[in-house]
C-alpha atoms as a PDB file:
ATOM      1  CA  MET A   1      -4.853 -12.671  13.626  1.00  0.00           C
ATOM      2  CA  ARG A   2      -5.141  -9.222  15.204  1.00  0.00           C
ATOM      3  CA  PRO A   3      -8.397  -7.240  15.338  1.00  0.00           C
ATOM      4  CA  ASN A   4      -8.760  -4.954  12.308  1.00  0.00           C
ATOM      5  CA  SER A   5      -6.052  -6.887  10.501  1.00  0.00           C
ATOM      6  CA  ARG A   6      -5.485  -6.339   6.806  1.00  0.00           C
ATOM      7  CA  ILE A   7      -5.499  -9.492   4.671  1.00  0.00           C
ATOM      8  CA  CYS A   8      -3.846  -9.450   1.251  1.00  0.00           C
ATOM      9  CA  ASP A   9      -6.329 -10.285  -1.513  1.00  0.00           C
ATOM     10  CA  THR A  10      -3.659 -12.103  -3.546  1.00  0.00           C
ATOM     11  CA  CYS A  11      -1.778 -14.286  -1.055  1.00  0.00           C
ATOM     12  CA  GLU A  12      -4.450 -14.222   1.696  1.00  0.00           C
ATOM     13  CA  LYS A  13      -1.845 -13.542   4.396  1.00  0.00           C
ATOM     14  CA  GLU A  14      -2.028 -10.851   7.037  1.00  0.00           C
ATOM     15  CA  ILE A  15      -0.289  -7.630   6.060  1.00  0.00           C
ATOM     16  CA  ILE A  16       2.013  -6.608   8.884  1.00  0.00           C
ATOM     17  CA  ASP A  17       4.071  -4.134   6.832  1.00  0.00           C
ATOM     18  CA  ASP A  18       3.924  -0.413   7.551  1.00  0.00           C
ATOM     19  CA  LEU A  19       2.448   0.321   4.124  1.00  0.00           C
ATOM     20  CA  CYS A  20      -0.046  -1.484   1.906  1.00  0.00           C
ATOM     21  CA  ARG A  21      -2.187  -0.804  -1.151  1.00  0.00           C
ATOM     22  CA  LEU A  22      -5.894  -0.297  -0.637  1.00  0.00           C
ATOM     23  CA  VAL A  23      -8.507  -0.517  -3.394  1.00  0.00           C
ATOM     24  CA  ILE A  24     -12.216   0.165  -2.968  1.00  0.00           C
ATOM     25  CA  LEU A  25     -14.392  -1.372  -5.661  1.00  0.00           C
ATOM     26  CA  SER A  26     -18.082  -1.277  -6.504  1.00  0.00           C
ATOM     27  CA  ASP A  27     -19.899  -4.258  -8.003  1.00  0.00           C
ATOM     28  CA  LEU A  28     -22.784  -4.130 -10.495  1.00  0.00           C
ATOM     29  CA  ASP A  29     -25.254  -3.582  -7.628  1.00  0.00           C
ATOM     30  CA  HIS A  30     -23.082  -0.725  -6.265  1.00  0.00           C
ATOM     31  CA  ASN A  31     -22.007  -2.721  -3.215  1.00  0.00           C
ATOM     32  CA  PRO A  32     -18.576  -1.621  -1.984  1.00  0.00           C
ATOM     33  CA  ARG A  33     -15.701  -4.048  -1.599  1.00  0.00           C
ATOM     34  CA  VAL A  34     -12.386  -3.189   0.080  1.00  0.00           C
ATOM     35  CA  LEU A  35      -9.217  -5.005  -0.972  1.00  0.00           C
ATOM     36  CA  PHE A  36      -5.732  -4.872   0.518  1.00  0.00           C
ATOM     37  CA  PHE A  37      -2.452  -5.856  -1.157  1.00  0.00           C
ATOM     38  CA  HIS A  38       1.105  -6.126   0.116  1.00  0.00           C
ATOM     39  CA  PHE A  39       2.974  -3.047  -1.052  1.00  0.00           C
ATOM     40  CA  ASN A  40       6.503  -4.381  -1.667  1.00  0.00           C
ATOM     41  CA  SER A  41       5.841  -7.809  -3.097  1.00  0.00           C
ATOM     42  CA  ASN A  42       4.593  -9.678  -6.124  1.00  0.00           C
ATOM     43  CA  CYS A  43       1.073  -9.560  -4.721  1.00  0.00           C
ATOM     44  CA  TRP A  44       0.288  -6.381  -6.646  1.00  0.00           C
ATOM     45  CA  ASN A  45       0.096  -6.899 -10.388  1.00  0.00           C
ATOM     46  CA  PHE A  46      -2.014  -4.327 -12.210  1.00  0.00           C
ATOM     47  CA  GLU A  47      -2.702  -6.525 -15.244  1.00  0.00           C
ATOM     48  CA  ASN A  48      -3.889  -9.421 -13.069  1.00  0.00           C
ATOM     49  CA  PHE A  49      -5.986  -7.055 -10.970  1.00  0.00           C
ATOM     50  CA  VAL A  50      -7.766  -5.641 -14.040  1.00  0.00           C
ATOM     51  CA  GLN A  51      -8.525  -9.124 -15.346  1.00  0.00           C
ATOM     52  CA  LYS A  52      -9.745 -10.460 -12.005  1.00  0.00           C
ATOM     53  CA  TYR A  53     -11.989  -7.473 -11.262  1.00  0.00           C
ATOM     54  CA  SER A  54     -13.122  -6.521 -14.770  1.00  0.00           C
ATOM     55  CA  ASN A  55     -16.785  -6.401 -13.666  1.00  0.00           C
ATOM     56  CA  PHE A  56     -16.095  -3.907 -10.876  1.00  0.00           C
ATOM     57  CA  ASP A  57     -15.634  -0.147 -10.847  1.00  0.00           C
ATOM     58  CA  VAL A  58     -12.658   1.255  -8.956  1.00  0.00           C
ATOM     59  CA  ILE A  59     -13.965   3.830  -6.508  1.00  0.00           C
ATOM     60  CA  LYS A  60     -10.693   4.689  -4.778  1.00  0.00           C
ATOM     61  CA  TYR A  61      -7.063   3.624  -4.912  1.00  0.00           C
ATOM     62  CA  ALA A  62      -5.031   4.557  -1.882  1.00  0.00           C
ATOM     63  CA  PHE A  63      -2.350   3.491   0.551  1.00  0.00           C
ATOM     64  CA  ASP A  64      -2.824   2.486   4.143  1.00  0.00           C
ATOM     65  CA  ALA A  65       0.141   3.547   6.240  1.00  0.00           C
ATOM     66  CA  ASP A  66       1.133   2.767   9.794  1.00  0.00           C
ATOM     67  CA  GLU A  67       0.949   5.566  12.349  1.00  0.00           C
ATOM     68  CA  LYS A  68       4.746   5.902  12.502  1.00  0.00           C
ATOM     69  CA  ILE A  69       4.799   6.818   8.789  1.00  0.00           C
ATOM     70  CA  HIS A  70       2.173   9.527   9.366  1.00  0.00           C
ATOM     71  CA  ASN A  71       4.295  10.980  12.158  1.00  0.00           C
ATOM     72  CA  ASP A  72       7.520  11.188  10.111  1.00  0.00           C
ATOM     73  CA  PRO A  73       7.484  14.220   7.736  1.00  0.00           C
ATOM     74  CA  LYS A  74      10.662  13.093   5.931  1.00  0.00           C
ATOM     75  CA  LEU A  75       9.228   9.663   5.204  1.00  0.00           C
ATOM     76  CA  LEU A  76       5.908  11.144   4.069  1.00  0.00           C
ATOM     77  CA  ASN A  77       7.643  13.500   1.650  1.00  0.00           C
ATOM     78  CA  GLN A  78       9.764  10.647   0.290  1.00  0.00           C
ATOM     79  CA  LEU A  79       6.657   8.517  -0.291  1.00  0.00           C
ATOM     80  CA  ARG A  80       4.816  11.379  -1.991  1.00  0.00           C
ATOM     81  CA  SER A  81       7.654  11.941  -4.421  1.00  0.00           C
ATOM     82  CA  ASP A  82       8.398   8.269  -5.135  1.00  0.00           C
ATOM     83  CA  LEU A  83       7.062   7.395  -8.597  1.00  0.00           C
ATOM     84  CA  MET A  84       7.009   3.667  -7.826  1.00  0.00           C
ATOM     85  CA  LEU A  85       4.436   4.343  -5.131  1.00  0.00           C
ATOM     86  CA  TRP A  86       1.789   5.044  -7.760  1.00  0.00           C
ATOM     87  CA  LEU A  87       2.525   2.137 -10.135  1.00  0.00           C
END
């Protein structure tokens, strides 16, 4: 495993894709918890997520993108306009 690697909360495998989902939660004691999920796979299921983390508050929902995505304006614009990105 690489330093600063992202591990998928569902399948528990390292995420080596260029893009992944990132969720920051807060527990009842307001302790933060950061979760990563594969972006293009069955690892992200909103209904399962809500059931599994029903006692947590969602602080932030975001996407973690590789540096090459940040440096490509066409790809960034495509991602921003892609409705499936937000589901």
